[in-house]
């Protein structure tokens, strides 16, 4: 059975470092996708992702709601990526890009995949979280529900709303 984020966060705070490794594995692709959407380069996104996980680990005791680990981590990742771009704007490409799961074998993204990631990043926080866990990290709907602490029906509804929003965002961007 998949442990909820809140259980894993509490285990980390109790000294179980293996629990943080589970969180890293669970969120590595969504975190990389958020970083890549900001910096536009796969290698730089990997560096930003590592920095975000380190910062999250160091600040974990300050997380008031352990069940909100995913959205909290995404905010940290976005902040780390934006800070990187501010520090070194020449290296960052500042174009929407996508996570490793969206990349072609040569590491480049086509325009459709760039547009899709840009649209995912624009979703409301709860929908973005379930979309990233479901499609970027490859978790089942049942597992996503356990991770975010919501019912399967709620997650299914959020995914449905996200699909509709993504369709609208992508249709508007084509015009």
Protein backbone atom coordinates (compact mmCIF):
# COMPACT_ATOMS: atom_id res chain seq x y z
CA UNK A 1 0.00 0.00 0.00
CA UNK A 2 1.19 3.49 -0.84
CA UNK A 3 1.91 5.70 2.16
CA UNK A 4 0.41 9.17 2.21
CA UNK A 5 2.77 12.12 2.04
CA UNK A 6 1.82 13.11 5.58
CA UNK A 7 2.93 9.72 6.93
CA UNK A 8 6.24 9.94 5.10
CA UNK A 9 6.88 13.53 6.24
CA UNK A 10 6.21 12.55 9.85
CA UNK A 11 8.53 9.55 9.47
CA UNK A 12 11.30 11.83 8.14
CA UNK A 13 10.79 14.21 11.06
CA UNK A 14 11.09 11.20 13.38
CA UNK A 15 14.53 10.45 11.88
CA UNK A 16 13.69 7.99 9.08
CA UNK A 17 15.80 9.19 6.14
CA UNK A 18 14.51 6.34 3.95
CA UNK A 19 11.08 7.98 4.06
CA UNK A 20 12.53 11.08 2.39
CA UNK A 21 14.01 8.87 -0.32
CA UNK A 22 10.47 7.64 -1.04
CA UNK A 23 9.27 11.26 -1.32
CA UNK A 24 12.14 12.06 -3.68
CA UNK A 25 11.33 9.07 -5.88
CA UNK A 26 7.64 9.99 -5.85
CA UNK A 27 8.19 13.62 -6.84
CA UNK A 28 11.40 13.61 -8.90
CA UNK A 29 9.67 13.80 -12.30
CA UNK A 30 7.07 16.44 -11.34
CA UNK A 31 9.80 18.52 -9.68
CA UNK A 32 12.00 18.24 -12.76
CA UNK A 33 9.04 19.23 -14.95
CA UNK A 34 8.41 22.38 -12.93
CA UNK A 35 12.11 23.27 -12.99
CA UNK A 36 12.37 22.56 -16.70
CA UNK A 37 9.35 24.72 -17.45
CA UNK A 38 11.21 27.66 -15.90
CA UNK A 39 14.85 27.11 -16.93
CA UNK A 40 14.27 25.41 -20.30
CA UNK A 41 17.27 23.07 -20.13
CA UNK A 42 17.20 19.45 -18.96
CA UNK A 43 20.60 19.50 -17.26
CA UNK A 44 19.94 22.78 -15.48
CA UNK A 45 16.53 21.49 -14.42
CA UNK A 46 18.22 18.48 -12.83
CA UNK A 47 20.49 20.79 -10.83
CA UNK A 48 17.55 22.98 -9.78
CA UNK A 49 15.59 19.85 -8.78
CA UNK A 50 18.38 18.64 -6.53
CA UNK A 51 18.61 22.06 -4.94
CA UNK A 52 14.83 22.07 -4.35
CA UNK A 53 14.93 18.67 -2.62
CA UNK A 54 17.80 19.80 -0.39
CA UNK A 55 15.95 22.98 0.55
CA UNK A 56 12.76 21.01 1.21
CA UNK A 57 14.61 18.56 3.44
CA UNK A 58 16.23 21.37 5.41
CA UNK A 59 12.91 23.20 5.84
CA UNK A 60 10.72 20.13 6.44
CA UNK A 61 10.28 20.83 10.16
CA UNK A 62 8.61 24.13 9.23
CA UNK A 63 5.94 22.47 7.07
CA UNK A 64 2.70 23.05 8.98
CA UNK A 65 0.55 20.59 7.02
CA UNK A 66 2.50 17.40 6.22
CA UNK A 67 -0.25 16.37 3.79
CA UNK A 68 0.55 19.44 1.67
CA UNK A 69 4.10 18.28 0.97
CA UNK A 70 3.59 18.03 -2.83
CA UNK A 71 2.32 21.57 -3.46
CA UNK A 72 4.85 22.94 -0.95
CA UNK A 73 7.68 21.16 -2.78
CA UNK A 74 6.46 22.50 -6.13
CA UNK A 75 6.54 26.06 -4.75
CA UNK A 76 10.09 25.52 -3.48
CA UNK A 77 11.08 24.13 -6.88
CA UNK A 78 9.59 27.06 -8.76
CA UNK A 79 11.31 29.51 -6.40
CA UNK A 80 14.66 27.72 -6.84
CA UNK A 81 14.26 27.77 -10.62
CA UNK A 82 13.32 31.46 -10.69
CA UNK A 83 16.28 32.28 -8.43
CA UNK A 84 18.56 30.37 -10.79
CA UNK A 85 17.25 32.33 -13.78
CA UNK A 86 17.76 35.62 -11.93
CA UNK A 87 21.32 34.64 -10.95
CA UNK A 88 22.36 33.32 -14.35
CA UNK A 89 19.96 34.43 -17.09
CA UNK A 90 22.43 33.55 -19.86
CA UNK A 91 22.30 29.86 -19.03
CA UNK A 92 18.54 29.54 -18.70
CA UNK A 93 16.59 29.38 -21.94
CA UNK A 94 13.37 30.79 -20.45
CA UNK A 95 11.17 28.72 -22.70
CA UNK A 96 8.52 26.23 -21.60
CA UNK A 97 9.92 22.72 -21.68
CA UNK A 98 8.92 19.35 -20.22
CA UNK A 99 9.99 16.61 -17.87
CA UNK A 100 12.14 13.64 -18.80
CA UNK A 101 9.01 11.64 -19.54
CA UNK A 102 8.17 14.05 -22.38
CA UNK A 103 11.63 14.15 -23.91
CA UNK A 104 12.57 12.50 -27.13
CA UNK A 105 15.71 10.32 -27.25
CA UNK A 106 17.83 13.31 -28.31
CA UNK A 107 16.74 15.25 -25.21
CA UNK A 108 14.85 17.89 -27.20
CA UNK A 109 11.16 18.72 -27.08
CA UNK A 110 8.87 19.35 -29.97
CA UNK A 111 6.53 22.34 -29.91
CA UNK A 112 3.47 20.26 -28.92
CA UNK A 113 5.19 18.90 -25.82
CA UNK A 114 6.45 22.34 -24.85
CA UNK A 115 2.92 23.71 -25.18
CA UNK A 116 1.52 20.85 -23.11
CA UNK A 117 3.91 21.43 -20.23
CA UNK A 118 3.32 25.17 -20.34
CA UNK A 119 -0.41 24.44 -20.06
CA UNK A 120 0.07 21.97 -17.15
CA UNK A 121 2.07 24.57 -15.23
CA UNK A 122 -0.87 27.00 -15.59
CA UNK A 123 -3.40 24.62 -13.95
CA UNK A 124 -4.72 25.36 -10.46
CA UNK A 125 -2.45 23.88 -7.79
CA UNK A 126 -4.59 20.85 -6.83
CA UNK A 127 -5.16 19.86 -10.45
CA UNK A 128 -1.51 20.40 -11.37
CA UNK A 129 -0.46 18.15 -8.48
CA UNK A 130 -2.69 15.23 -9.47
CA UNK A 131 -1.79 15.58 -13.18
CA UNK A 132 1.93 15.55 -12.39
CA UNK A 133 1.64 12.57 -10.05
CA UNK A 134 -0.58 10.66 -12.49
CA UNK A 135 1.12 11.36 -15.80
CA UNK A 136 4.64 12.58 -15.04
CA UNK A 137 5.37 10.26 -12.12
CA UNK A 138 3.21 7.41 -13.45
CA UNK A 139 1.15 6.69 -10.33
CA UNK A 140 -2.27 5.04 -10.55
CA UNK A 141 -5.33 7.12 -9.63
CA UNK A 142 -5.66 5.07 -6.44
CA UNK A 143 -2.04 5.77 -5.52
CA UNK A 144 -2.43 9.48 -6.30
CA UNK A 145 -5.47 9.57 -4.00
CA UNK A 146 -3.42 7.99 -1.20
CA UNK A 147 -0.50 10.36 -1.77
CA UNK A 148 -2.57 13.54 -1.71
CA UNK A 149 -4.97 12.30 0.99
CA UNK A 150 -8.12 12.60 -1.11
CA UNK A 151 -10.70 10.08 -2.26
CA UNK A 152 -10.34 8.29 -5.60
CA UNK A 153 -13.52 10.06 -6.76
CA UNK A 154 -12.09 13.48 -5.92
CA UNK A 155 -8.84 12.73 -7.76
CA UNK A 156 -10.77 11.41 -10.76
CA UNK A 157 -12.87 14.59 -10.82
CA UNK A 158 -9.74 16.76 -10.53
CA UNK A 159 -8.12 14.89 -13.43
CA UNK A 160 -11.28 15.33 -15.49
CA UNK A 161 -11.37 19.06 -14.78
CA UNK A 162 -7.66 19.31 -15.58
CA UNK A 163 -8.17 17.57 -18.94
CA UNK A 164 -10.93 20.04 -19.81
CA UNK A 165 -8.80 23.02 -18.74
CA UNK A 166 -5.80 21.73 -20.66
CA UNK A 167 -7.92 21.34 -23.79
CA UNK A 168 -9.17 24.92 -23.41
CA UNK A 169 -5.69 26.33 -22.74
CA UNK A 170 -4.21 24.50 -25.72
CA UNK A 171 -7.07 25.48 -28.04
CA UNK A 172 -6.70 29.15 -27.05
CA UNK A 173 -2.95 29.03 -27.65
CA UNK A 174 -3.47 27.65 -31.18
CA UNK A 175 -5.60 30.61 -32.24
